[in-house]
Amino acid sequence: MAEPILNLSTTEFDRPIVVIDAERYEMRSPDEMSIKMIREMSALGVRLRAFQDAEGDEKDFGELEAATMASVDLVMVDLPIAVRDALTITLLGRIIRTFTELAGHGLKASAATD
């Protein structure tokens, strides 16, 4: 009997783990993202790229931070707001980049952060 070439689940997802200050938090699997979530993430990505390309002022930096936090909220499962707010913009960006790499390349979580 042939081995399956694709094993799909609509109820169980293998979620990558992000460790923040020795605590483990789940990141969504790209496979569990709904169309709405994908569209939101895409729109936030467009905003983030626009902010990176512009010189910006203080208002722009506030909007950049808000878009970054909104992106992290989409990809992390039940990350406490206090934990998210304690992360620097650089660390938040690493979470987003890791998710994007997982979604785009099907990498394992450890490979995306190495």
PDB file of N, CA and C in Angstrom:
ATOM      1  N   MET A   1       0.847  -1.176   0.000  1.00  0.00           N
ATOM      2  CA  MET A   1       0.000   0.000   0.000  1.00  0.00           C
ATOM      3  C   MET A   1       0.898   1.246   0.000  1.00  0.00           C
ATOM      4  N   ALA A   2       0.530   2.213  -0.794  1.00  0.00           N
ATOM      5  CA  ALA A   2       1.320   3.437  -0.927  1.00  0.00           C
ATOM      6  C   ALA A   2       1.207   4.295   0.329  1.00  0.00           C
ATOM      7  N   GLU A   3       2.283   4.995   0.639  1.00  0.00           N
ATOM      8  CA  GLU A   3       2.302   5.927   1.761  1.00  0.00           C
ATOM      9  C   GLU A   3       1.579   7.211   1.357  1.00  0.00           C
ATOM     10  N   PRO A   4       0.863   7.838   2.280  1.00  0.00           N
ATOM     11  CA  PRO A   4       0.193   9.099   1.946  1.00  0.00           C
ATOM     12  C   PRO A   4       1.219  10.175   1.587  1.00  0.00           C
ATOM     13  N   ILE A   5       0.893  10.990   0.611  1.00  0.00           N
ATOM     14  CA  ILE A   5       1.796  12.083   0.244  1.00  0.00           C
ATOM     15  C   ILE A   5       1.384  13.395   0.908  1.00  0.00           C
ATOM     16  N   LEU A   6       0.161  13.427   1.474  1.00  0.00           N
ATOM     17  CA  LEU A   6      -0.327  14.631   2.118  1.00  0.00           C
ATOM     18  C   LEU A   6      -1.262  14.227   3.241  1.00  0.00           C
ATOM     19  N   ASN A   7      -1.014  14.750   4.433  1.00  0.00           N
ATOM     20  CA  ASN A   7      -1.851  14.448   5.582  1.00  0.00           C
ATOM     21  C   ASN A   7      -2.372  15.771   6.140  1.00  0.00           C
ATOM     22  N   LEU A   8      -3.646  16.039   5.958  1.00  0.00           N
ATOM     23  CA  LEU A   8      -4.234  17.316   6.348  1.00  0.00           C
ATOM     24  C   LEU A   8      -5.150  17.147   7.544  1.00  0.00           C
ATOM     25  N   SER A   9      -5.212  18.193   8.377  1.00  0.00           N
ATOM     26  CA  SER A   9      -6.121  18.197   9.511  1.00  0.00           C
ATOM     27  C   SER A   9      -6.803  19.556   9.580  1.00  0.00           C
ATOM     28  N   THR A  10      -8.082  19.533   9.879  1.00  0.00           N
ATOM     29  CA  THR A  10      -8.808  20.787  10.060  1.00  0.00           C
ATOM     30  C   THR A  10      -9.030  21.089  11.534  1.00  0.00           C
ATOM     31  N   THR A  11      -8.574  20.213  12.407  1.00  0.00           N
ATOM     32  CA  THR A  11      -8.813  20.393  13.840  1.00  0.00           C
ATOM     33  C   THR A  11      -7.538  20.461  14.678  1.00  0.00           C
ATOM     34  N   GLU A  12      -6.454  19.901  14.192  1.00  0.00           N
ATOM     35  CA  GLU A  12      -5.208  19.891  14.960  1.00  0.00           C
ATOM     36  C   GLU A  12      -4.101  20.517  14.135  1.00  0.00           C
ATOM     37  N   PHE A  13      -3.355  21.429  14.764  1.00  0.00           N
ATOM     38  CA  PHE A  13      -2.264  22.094  14.079  1.00  0.00           C
ATOM     39  C   PHE A  13      -1.001  21.977  14.920  1.00  0.00           C
ATOM     40  N   ASP A  14       0.100  21.756  14.259  1.00  0.00           N
ATOM     41  CA  ASP A  14       1.389  21.681  14.927  1.00  0.00           C
ATOM     42  C   ASP A  14       1.921  23.111  15.039  1.00  0.00           C
ATOM     43  N   ARG A  15       1.664  23.732  16.185  1.00  0.00           N
ATOM     44  CA  ARG A  15       2.031  25.136  16.366  1.00  0.00           C
ATOM     45  C   ARG A  15       3.483  25.280  16.821  1.00  0.00           C
ATOM     46  N   PRO A  16       4.222  26.157  16.147  1.00  0.00           N
ATOM     47  CA  PRO A  16       5.577  26.454  16.593  1.00  0.00           C
ATOM     48  C   PRO A  16       5.541  27.161  17.954  1.00  0.00           C
ATOM     49  N   ILE A  17       6.622  27.050  18.693  1.00  0.00           N
ATOM     50  CA  ILE A  17       6.725  27.650  20.015  1.00  0.00           C
ATOM     51  C   ILE A  17       7.715  28.811  19.980  1.00  0.00           C
ATOM     52  N   VAL A  18       7.335  29.923  20.599  1.00  0.00           N
ATOM     53  CA  VAL A  18       8.211  31.076  20.778  1.00  0.00           C
ATOM     54  C   VAL A  18       8.460  31.184  22.281  1.00  0.00           C
ATOM     55  N   VAL A  19       9.714  31.241  22.673  1.00  0.00           N
ATOM     56  CA  VAL A  19      10.056  31.374  24.087  1.00  0.00           C
ATOM     57  C   VAL A  19      10.410  32.833  24.359  1.00  0.00           C
ATOM     58  N   ILE A  20       9.712  33.417  25.326  1.00  0.00           N
ATOM     59  CA  ILE A  20       9.948  34.798  25.736  1.00  0.00           C
ATOM     60  C   ILE A  20      10.167  34.780  27.240  1.00  0.00           C
ATOM     61  N   ASP A  21      11.339  35.206  27.656  1.00  0.00           N
ATOM     62  CA  ASP A  21      11.687  35.220  29.081  1.00  0.00           C
ATOM     63  C   ASP A  21      11.395  33.876  29.741  1.00  0.00           C
ATOM     64  N   ALA A  22      11.837  32.818  29.092  1.00  0.00           N
ATOM     65  CA  ALA A  22      11.732  31.433  29.574  1.00  0.00           C
ATOM     66  C   ALA A  22      10.302  30.892  29.609  1.00  0.00           C
ATOM     67  N   GLU A  23       9.340  31.635  29.105  1.00  0.00           N
ATOM     68  CA  GLU A  23       7.955  31.155  29.003  1.00  0.00           C
ATOM     69  C   GLU A  23       7.662  30.775  27.557  1.00  0.00           C
ATOM     70  N   ARG A  24       6.905  29.696  27.378  1.00  0.00           N
ATOM     71  CA  ARG A  24       6.582  29.195  26.045  1.00  0.00           C
ATOM     72  C   ARG A  24       5.217  29.723  25.593  1.00  0.00           C
ATOM     73  N   TYR A  25       5.183  30.243  24.357  1.00  0.00           N
ATOM     74  CA  TYR A  25       3.946  30.749  23.769  1.00  0.00           C
ATOM     75  C   TYR A  25       3.801  30.147  22.377  1.00  0.00           C
ATOM     76  N   GLU A  26       2.569  29.813  22.030  1.00  0.00           N
ATOM     77  CA  GLU A  26       2.314  29.221  20.718  1.00  0.00           C
ATOM     78  C   GLU A  26       2.160  30.289  19.648  1.00  0.00           C
ATOM     79  N   MET A  27       2.756  29.986  18.493  1.00  0.00           N
ATOM     80  CA  MET A  27       2.557  30.798  17.297  1.00  0.00           C
ATOM     81  C   MET A  27       1.583  30.024  16.411  1.00  0.00           C
ATOM     82  N   ARG A  28       0.716  30.726  15.751  1.00  0.00           N
ATOM     83  CA  ARG A  28      -0.200  30.029  14.846  1.00  0.00           C
ATOM     84  C   ARG A  28       0.578  29.308  13.750  1.00  0.00           C
ATOM     85  N   SER A  29       0.057  28.199  13.354  1.00  0.00           N
ATOM     86  CA  SER A  29       0.567  27.532  12.172  1.00  0.00           C
ATOM     87  C   SER A  29       0.020  28.288  10.968  1.00  0.00           C
ATOM     88  N   PRO A  30       0.837  28.535   9.955  1.00  0.00           N
ATOM     89  CA  PRO A  30       0.299  29.206   8.761  1.00  0.00           C
ATOM     90  C   PRO A  30      -0.919  28.476   8.183  1.00  0.00           C
ATOM     91  N   ASP A  31      -0.999  27.156   8.387  1.00  0.00           N
ATOM     92  CA  ASP A  31      -2.117  26.373   7.861  1.00  0.00           C
ATOM     93  C   ASP A  31      -3.457  26.715   8.509  1.00  0.00           C
ATOM     94  N   GLU A  32      -3.433  27.288   9.703  1.00  0.00           N
ATOM     95  CA  GLU A  32      -4.699  27.569  10.381  1.00  0.00           C
ATOM     96  C   GLU A  32      -5.199  28.995  10.167  1.00  0.00           C
ATOM     97  N   MET A  33      -4.475  29.778   9.392  1.00  0.00           N
ATOM     98  CA  MET A  33      -4.885  31.161   9.145  1.00  0.00           C
ATOM     99  C   MET A  33      -6.093  31.181   8.210  1.00  0.00           C
ATOM    100  N   SER A  34      -7.123  31.927   8.609  1.00  0.00           N
ATOM    101  CA  SER A  34      -8.308  32.080   7.771  1.00  0.00           C
ATOM    102  C   SER A  34      -8.004  33.093   6.663  1.00  0.00           C
ATOM    103  N   ILE A  35      -8.864  33.144   5.673  1.00  0.00           N
ATOM    104  CA  ILE A  35      -8.715  34.123   4.592  1.00  0.00           C
ATOM    105  C   ILE A  35      -8.700  35.532   5.174  1.00  0.00           C
ATOM    106  N   LYS A  36      -9.583  35.803   6.134  1.00  0.00           N
ATOM    107  CA  LYS A  36      -9.640  37.123   6.760  1.00  0.00           C
ATOM    108  C   LYS A  36      -8.300  37.447   7.430  1.00  0.00           C
ATOM    109  N   MET A  37      -7.747  36.494   8.148  1.00  0.00           N
ATOM    110  CA  MET A  37      -6.468  36.719   8.834  1.00  0.00           C
ATOM    111  C   MET A  37      -5.337  36.941   7.828  1.00  0.00           C
ATOM    112  N   ILE A  38      -5.359  36.194   6.743  1.00  0.00           N
ATOM    113  CA  ILE A  38      -4.324  36.346   5.708  1.00  0.00           C
ATOM    114  C   ILE A  38      -4.424  37.731   5.079  1.00  0.00           C
ATOM    115  N   ARG A  39      -5.634  38.172   4.794  1.00  0.00           N
ATOM    116  CA  ARG A  39      -5.821  39.507   4.202  1.00  0.00           C
ATOM    117  C   ARG A  39      -5.375  40.597   5.172  1.00  0.00           C
ATOM    118  N   GLU A  40      -5.714  40.430   6.464  1.00  0.00           N
ATOM    119  CA  GLU A  40      -5.284  41.402   7.474  1.00  0.00           C
ATOM    120  C   GLU A  40      -3.767  41.447   7.558  1.00  0.00           C
ATOM    121  N   MET A  41      -3.152  40.281   7.585  1.00  0.00           N
ATOM    122  CA  MET A  41      -1.697  40.194   7.680  1.00  0.00           C
ATOM    123  C   MET A  41      -1.053  40.834   6.450  1.00  0.00           C
ATOM    124  N   SER A  42      -1.624  40.600   5.294  1.00  0.00           N
ATOM    125  CA  SER A  42      -1.102  41.183   4.060  1.00  0.00           C
ATOM    126  C   SER A  42      -1.206  42.709   4.095  1.00  0.00           C
ATOM    127  N   ALA A  43      -2.354  43.227   4.533  1.00  0.00           N
ATOM    128  CA  ALA A  43      -2.545  44.676   4.618  1.00  0.00           C
ATOM    129  C   ALA A  43      -1.576  45.296   5.622  1.00  0.00           C
ATOM    130  N   LEU A  44      -1.379  44.622   6.741  1.00  0.00           N
ATOM    131  CA  LEU A  44      -0.420  45.118   7.736  1.00  0.00           C
ATOM    132  C   LEU A  44       0.996  45.090   7.170  1.00  0.00           C
ATOM    133  N   GLY A  45       1.306  44.063   6.399  1.00  0.00           N
ATOM    134  CA  GLY A  45       2.626  43.967   5.764  1.00  0.00           C
ATOM    135  C   GLY A  45       2.881  45.119   4.806  1.00  0.00           C
ATOM    136  N   VAL A  46       1.857  45.486   4.050  1.00  0.00           N
ATOM    137  CA  VAL A  46       1.978  46.633   3.134  1.00  0.00           C
ATOM    138  C   VAL A  46       2.262  47.898   3.939  1.00  0.00           C
ATOM    139  N   ARG A  47       1.530  48.086   5.022  1.00  0.00           N
ATOM    140  CA  ARG A  47       1.760  49.265   5.878  1.00  0.00           C
ATOM    141  C   ARG A  47       3.166  49.261   6.463  1.00  0.00           C
ATOM    142  N   LEU A  48       3.611  48.104   6.939  1.00  0.00           N
ATOM    143  CA  LEU A  48       4.948  48.026   7.541  1.00  0.00           C
ATOM    144  C   LEU A  48       6.031  48.355   6.522  1.00  0.00           C
ATOM    145  N   ARG A  49       5.884  47.827   5.293  1.00  0.00           N
ATOM    146  CA  ARG A  49       6.880  48.127   4.252  1.00  0.00           C
ATOM    147  C   ARG A  49       6.874  49.606   3.898  1.00  0.00           C
ATOM    148  N   ALA A  50       5.691  50.221   3.857  1.00  0.00           N
ATOM    149  CA  ALA A  50       5.602  51.657   3.555  1.00  0.00           C
ATOM    150  C   ALA A  50       6.301  52.478   4.638  1.00  0.00           C
ATOM    151  N   PHE A  51       6.130  52.092   5.897  1.00  0.00           N
ATOM    152  CA  PHE A  51       6.782  52.808   6.986  1.00  0.00           C
ATOM    153  C   PHE A  51       8.297  52.659   6.905  1.00  0.00           C
ATOM    154  N   GLN A  52       8.763  51.478   6.513  1.00  0.00           N
ATOM    155  CA  GLN A  52      10.203  51.249   6.417  1.00  0.00           C
ATOM    156  C   GLN A  52      10.824  52.096   5.320  1.00  0.00           C
ATOM    157  N   ASP A  53      10.073  52.343   4.260  1.00  0.00           N
ATOM    158  CA  ASP A  53      10.592  53.107   3.121  1.00  0.00           C
ATOM    159  C   ASP A  53      10.514  54.617   3.326  1.00  0.00           C
ATOM    160  N   ALA A  54       9.671  55.073   4.253  1.00  0.00           N
ATOM    161  CA  ALA A  54       9.487  56.514   4.477  1.00  0.00           C
ATOM    162  C   ALA A  54      10.423  56.998   5.581  1.00  0.00           C
ATOM    163  N   GLU A  55      10.757  58.277   5.520  1.00  0.00           N
ATOM    164  CA  GLU A  55      11.581  58.846   6.581  1.00  0.00           C
ATOM    165  C   GLU A  55      10.770  58.963   7.862  1.00  0.00           C
ATOM    166  N   GLY A  56       9.546  59.413   7.764  1.00  0.00           N
ATOM    167  CA  GLY A  56       8.618  59.400   8.885  1.00  0.00           C
ATOM    168  C   GLY A  56       8.859  60.445   9.952  1.00  0.00           C
ATOM    169  N   ASP A  57       7.787  60.661  10.724  1.00  0.00           N
ATOM    170  CA  ASP A  57       7.857  61.538  11.881  1.00  0.00           C
ATOM    171  C   ASP A  57       7.337  60.751  13.079  1.00  0.00           C
ATOM    172  N   GLU A  58       7.161  61.413  14.207  1.00  0.00           N
ATOM    173  CA  GLU A  58       6.715  60.726  15.422  1.00  0.00           C
ATOM    174  C   GLU A  58       5.380  60.006  15.218  1.00  0.00           C
ATOM    175  N   LYS A  59       4.450  60.615  14.484  1.00  0.00           N
ATOM    176  CA  LYS A  59       3.151  59.981  14.217  1.00  0.00           C
ATOM    177  C   LYS A  59       3.352  58.675  13.453  1.00  0.00           C
ATOM    178  N   ASP A  60       4.243  58.709  12.456  1.00  0.00           N
ATOM    179  CA  ASP A  60       4.514  57.506  11.672  1.00  0.00           C
ATOM    180  C   ASP A  60       5.098  56.395  12.540  1.00  0.00           C
ATOM    181  N   PHE A  61       5.957  56.765  13.477  1.00  0.00           N
ATOM    182  CA  PHE A  61       6.553  55.748  14.341  1.00  0.00           C
ATOM    183  C   PHE A  61       5.501  55.097  15.233  1.00  0.00           C
ATOM    184  N   GLY A  62       4.536  55.889  15.682  1.00  0.00           N
ATOM    185  CA  GLY A  62       3.427  55.328  16.463  1.00  0.00           C
ATOM    186  C   GLY A  62       2.592  54.371  15.633  1.00  0.00           C
ATOM    187  N   GLU A  63       2.353  54.732  14.377  1.00  0.00           N
ATOM    188  CA  GLU A  63       1.591  53.863  13.480  1.00  0.00           C
ATOM    189  C   GLU A  63       2.377  52.594  13.148  1.00  0.00           C
ATOM    190  N   LEU A  64       3.682  52.731  12.988  1.00  0.00           N
ATOM    191  CA  LEU A  64       4.540  51.565  12.740  1.00  0.00           C
ATOM    192  C   LEU A  64       4.459  50.595  13.910  1.00  0.00           C
ATOM    193  N   GLU A  65       4.558  51.130  15.117  1.00  0.00           N
ATOM    194  CA  GLU A  65       4.474  50.284  16.304  1.00  0.00           C
ATOM    195  C   GLU A  65       3.109  49.609  16.399  1.00  0.00           C
ATOM    196  N   ALA A  66       2.038  50.347  16.124  1.00  0.00           N
ATOM    197  CA  ALA A  66       0.687  49.781  16.185  1.00  0.00           C
ATOM    198  C   ALA A  66       0.504  48.673  15.149  1.00  0.00           C
ATOM    199  N   ALA A  67       1.000  48.878  13.929  1.00  0.00           N
ATOM    200  CA  ALA A  67       0.891  47.849  12.883  1.00  0.00           C
ATOM    201  C   ALA A  67       1.715  46.623  13.243  1.00  0.00           C
ATOM    202  N   THR A  68       2.874  46.844  13.835  1.00  0.00           N
ATOM    203  CA  THR A  68       3.725  45.727  14.247  1.00  0.00           C
ATOM    204  C   THR A  68       3.040  44.912  15.339  1.00  0.00           C
ATOM    205  N   MET A  69       2.477  45.584  16.323  1.00  0.00           N
ATOM    206  CA  MET A  69       1.788  44.871  17.410  1.00  0.00           C
ATOM    207  C   MET A  69       0.555  44.129  16.893  1.00  0.00           C
ATOM    208  N   ALA A  70      -0.174  44.743  15.971  1.00  0.00           N
ATOM    209  CA  ALA A  70      -1.346  44.085  15.390  1.00  0.00           C
ATOM    210  C   ALA A  70      -0.934  42.817  14.636  1.00  0.00           C
ATOM    211  N   SER A  71       0.199  42.865  13.952  1.00  0.00           N
ATOM    212  CA  SER A  71       0.698  41.685  13.236  1.00  0.00           C
ATOM    213  C   SER A  71       1.059  40.576  14.216  1.00  0.00           C
ATOM    214  N   VAL A  72       1.723  40.941  15.292  1.00  0.00           N
ATOM    215  CA  VAL A  72       2.089  39.946  16.306  1.00  0.00           C
ATOM    216  C   VAL A  72       0.831  39.351  16.927  1.00  0.00           C
ATOM    217  N   ASP A  73      -0.170  40.186  17.194  1.00  0.00           N
ATOM    218  CA  ASP A  73      -1.428  39.674  17.753  1.00  0.00           C
ATOM    219  C   ASP A  73      -2.091  38.664  16.830  1.00  0.00           C
ATOM    220  N   LEU A  74      -1.945  38.837  15.523  1.00  0.00           N
ATOM    221  CA  LEU A  74      -2.530  37.885  14.572  1.00  0.00           C
ATOM    222  C   LEU A  74      -1.823  36.537  14.589  1.00  0.00           C
ATOM    223  N   VAL A  75      -0.513  36.554  14.740  1.00  0.00           N
ATOM    224  CA  VAL A  75       0.233  35.303  14.585  1.00  0.00           C
ATOM    225  C   VAL A  75       0.482  34.567  15.892  1.00  0.00           C
ATOM    226  N   MET A  76       0.398  35.268  17.019  1.00  0.00           N
ATOM    227  CA  MET A  76       0.620  34.606  18.302  1.00  0.00           C
ATOM    228  C   MET A  76      -0.718  34.215  18.923  1.00  0.00           C
ATOM    229  N   VAL A  77      -0.738  33.069  19.580  1.00  0.00           N
ATOM    230  CA  VAL A  77      -1.954  32.557  20.213  1.00  0.00           C
ATOM    231  C   VAL A  77      -1.900  32.910  21.699  1.00  0.00           C
ATOM    232  N   ASP A  78      -2.834  33.719  22.144  1.00  0.00           N
ATOM    233  CA  ASP A  78      -2.961  34.042  23.570  1.00  0.00           C
ATOM    234  C   ASP A  78      -1.696  34.610  24.200  1.00  0.00           C
ATOM    235  N   LEU A  79      -0.952  35.435  23.467  1.00  0.00           N
ATOM    236  CA  LEU A  79       0.194  36.115  24.044  1.00  0.00           C
ATOM    237  C   LEU A  79      -0.339  37.249  24.928  1.00  0.00           C
ATOM    238  N   PRO A  80      -0.011  37.231  26.220  1.00  0.00           N
ATOM    239  CA  PRO A  80      -0.516  38.296  27.095  1.00  0.00           C
ATOM    240  C   PRO A  80      -0.057  39.671  26.611  1.00  0.00           C
ATOM    241  N   ILE A  81      -0.939  40.643  26.700  1.00  0.00           N
ATOM    242  CA  ILE A  81      -0.627  41.993  26.239  1.00  0.00           C
ATOM    243  C   ILE A  81       0.587  42.546  26.985  1.00  0.00           C
ATOM    244  N   ALA A  82       0.685  42.271  28.278  1.00  0.00           N
ATOM    245  CA  ALA A  82       1.823  42.772  29.058  1.00  0.00           C
ATOM    246  C   ALA A  82       3.139  42.215  28.524  1.00  0.00           C
ATOM    247  N   VAL A  83       3.133  40.967  28.094  1.00  0.00           N
ATOM    248  CA  VAL A  83       4.346  40.355  27.526  1.00  0.00           C
ATOM    249  C   VAL A  83       4.652  41.001  26.180  1.00  0.00           C
ATOM    250  N   ARG A  84       3.639  41.131  25.331  1.00  0.00           N
ATOM    251  CA  ARG A  84       3.833  41.764  24.024  1.00  0.00           C
ATOM    252  C   ARG A  84       4.349  43.188  24.173  1.00  0.00           C
ATOM    253  N   ASP A  85       3.755  43.935  25.088  1.00  0.00           N
ATOM    254  CA  ASP A  85       4.147  45.331  25.272  1.00  0.00           C
ATOM    255  C   ASP A  85       5.566  45.483  25.815  1.00  0.00           C
ATOM    256  N   ALA A  86       6.075  44.458  26.472  1.00  0.00           N
ATOM    257  CA  ALA A  86       7.440  44.510  27.012  1.00  0.00           C
ATOM    258  C   ALA A  86       8.493  44.256  25.926  1.00  0.00           C
ATOM    259  N   LEU A  87       8.078  43.723  24.776  1.00  0.00           N
ATOM    260  CA  LEU A  87       9.016  43.426  23.692  1.00  0.00           C
ATOM    261  C   LEU A  87       9.370  44.696  22.923  1.00  0.00           C
ATOM    262  N   THR A  88      10.621  44.796  22.527  1.00  0.00           N
ATOM    263  CA  THR A  88      11.032  45.932  21.701  1.00  0.00           C
ATOM    264  C   THR A  88      10.511  45.744  20.285  1.00  0.00           C
ATOM    265  N   ILE A  89      10.528  46.808  19.513  1.00  0.00           N
ATOM    266  CA  ILE A  89      10.073  46.739  18.122  1.00  0.00           C
ATOM    267  C   ILE A  89      10.915  45.732  17.339  1.00  0.00           C
ATOM    268  N   THR A  90      12.182  45.608  17.684  1.00  0.00           N
ATOM    269  CA  THR A  90      13.057  44.646  17.006  1.00  0.00           C
ATOM    270  C   THR A  90      12.633  43.215  17.313  1.00  0.00           C
ATOM    271  N   LEU A  91      12.316  42.933  18.568  1.00  0.00           N
ATOM    272  CA  LEU A  91      11.884  41.578  18.936  1.00  0.00           C
ATOM    273  C   LEU A  91      10.516  41.254  18.333  1.00  0.00           C
ATOM    274  N   LEU A  92       9.623  42.239  18.299  1.00  0.00           N
ATOM    275  CA  LEU A  92       8.331  42.026  17.644  1.00  0.00           C
ATOM    276  C   LEU A  92       8.538  41.705  16.163  1.00  0.00           C
ATOM    277  N   GLY A  93       9.461  42.425  15.532  1.00  0.00           N
ATOM    278  CA  GLY A  93       9.783  42.174  14.130  1.00  0.00           C
ATOM    279  C   GLY A  93      10.323  40.776  13.905  1.00  0.00           C
ATOM    280  N   ARG A  94      11.095  40.261  14.854  1.00  0.00           N
ATOM    281  CA  ARG A  94      11.613  38.892  14.717  1.00  0.00           C
ATOM    282  C   ARG A  94      10.492  37.870  14.734  1.00  0.00           C
ATOM    283  N   ILE A  95       9.460  38.109  15.550  1.00  0.00           N
ATOM    284  CA  ILE A  95       8.298  37.209  15.574  1.00  0.00           C
ATOM    285  C   ILE A  95       7.608  37.221  14.218  1.00  0.00           C
ATOM    286  N   ILE A  96       7.388  38.403  13.676  1.00  0.00           N
ATOM    287  CA  ILE A  96       6.717  38.528  12.380  1.00  0.00           C
ATOM    288  C   ILE A  96       7.547  37.872  11.278  1.00  0.00           C
ATOM    289  N   ARG A  97       8.848  38.137  11.258  1.00  0.00           N
ATOM    290  CA  ARG A  97       9.716  37.529  10.225  1.00  0.00           C
ATOM    291  C   ARG A  97       9.727  36.015  10.331  1.00  0.00           C
ATOM    292  N   THR A  98       9.757  35.493  11.545  1.00  0.00           N
ATOM    293  CA  THR A  98       9.744  34.036  11.721  1.00  0.00           C
ATOM    294  C   THR A  98       8.460  33.444  11.164  1.00  0.00           C
ATOM    295  N   PHE A  99       7.321  34.055  11.475  1.00  0.00           N
ATOM    296  CA  PHE A  99       6.054  33.561  10.950  1.00  0.00           C
ATOM    297  C   PHE A  99       6.039  33.631   9.429  1.00  0.00           C
ATOM    298  N   THR A 100       6.498  34.739   8.887  1.00  0.00           N
ATOM    299  CA  THR A 100       6.508  34.926   7.437  1.00  0.00           C
ATOM    300  C   THR A 100       7.380  33.868   6.762  1.00  0.00           C
ATOM    301  N   GLU A 101       8.516  33.569   7.359  1.00  0.00           N
ATOM    302  CA  GLU A 101       9.381  32.525   6.804  1.00  0.00           C
ATOM    303  C   GLU A 101       8.707  31.165   6.883  1.00  0.00           C
ATOM    304  N   LEU A 102       8.045  30.892   7.995  1.00  0.00           N
ATOM    305  CA  LEU A 102       7.315  29.622   8.114  1.00  0.00           C
ATOM    306  C   LEU A 102       6.228  29.511   7.050  1.00  0.00           C
ATOM    307  N   ALA A 103       5.504  30.599   6.855  1.00  0.00           N
ATOM    308  CA  ALA A 103       4.399  30.594   5.893  1.00  0.00           C
ATOM    309  C   ALA A 103       4.909  30.475   4.461  1.00  0.00           C
ATOM    310  N   GLY A 104       6.024  31.127   4.169  1.00  0.00           N
ATOM    311  CA  GLY A 104       6.515  31.168   2.809  1.00  0.00           C
ATOM    312  C   GLY A 104       7.355  29.985   2.390  1.00  0.00           C
ATOM    313  N   HIS A 105       7.991  29.372   3.349  1.00  0.00           N
ATOM    314  CA  HIS A 105       8.943  28.323   2.984  1.00  0.00           C
ATOM    315  C   HIS A 105       8.662  26.979   3.635  1.00  0.00           C
ATOM    316  N   GLY A 106       7.695  26.932   4.516  1.00  0.00           N
ATOM    317  CA  GLY A 106       7.401  25.672   5.185  1.00  0.00           C
ATOM    318  C   GLY A 106       8.531  25.209   6.078  1.00  0.00           C
ATOM    319  N   LEU A 107       9.303  26.155   6.619  1.00  0.00           N
ATOM    320  CA  LEU A 107      10.415  25.790   7.487  1.00  0.00           C
ATOM    321  C   LEU A 107       9.920  25.362   8.852  1.00  0.00           C
ATOM    322  N   LYS A 108      10.711  24.570   9.522  1.00  0.00           N
ATOM    323  CA  LYS A 108      10.437  24.256  10.915  1.00  0.00           C
ATOM    324  C   LYS A 108      10.803  25.482  11.734  1.00  0.00           C
ATOM    325  N   ALA A 109      10.160  25.666  12.885  1.00  0.00           N
ATOM    326  CA  ALA A 109      10.364  26.867  13.685  1.00  0.00           C
ATOM    327  C   ALA A 109      11.828  27.070  14.043  1.00  0.00           C
ATOM    328  N   SER A 110      12.539  26.016  14.388  1.00  0.00           N
ATOM    329  CA  SER A 110      13.942  26.173  14.774  1.00  0.00           C
ATOM    330  C   SER A 110      14.780  26.626  13.595  1.00  0.00           C
ATOM    331  N   ALA A 111      14.449  26.191  12.398  1.00  0.00           N
ATOM    332  CA  ALA A 111      15.205  26.594  11.215  1.00  0.00           C
ATOM    333  C   ALA A 111      14.965  28.054  10.871  1.00  0.00           C
ATOM    334  N   ALA A 112      13.771  28.553  11.164  1.00  0.00           N
ATOM    335  CA  ALA A 112      13.442  29.934  10.832  1.00  0.00           C
ATOM    336  C   ALA A 112      14.151  30.934  11.724  1.00  0.00           C
ATOM    337  N   THR A 113      14.555  30.506  12.907  1.00  0.00           N
ATOM    338  CA  THR A 113      15.178  31.435  13.841  1.00  0.00           C
ATOM    339  C   THR A 113      16.679  31.268  13.931  1.00  0.00           C
ATOM    340  N   ASP A 114      17.230  30.259  13.291  1.00  0.00           N
ATOM    341  CA  ASP A 114      18.694  30.043  13.341  1.00  0.00           C
ATOM    342  C   ASP A 114      19.432  31.008  12.452  1.00  0.00           C
TER     343      ASP A 114
END
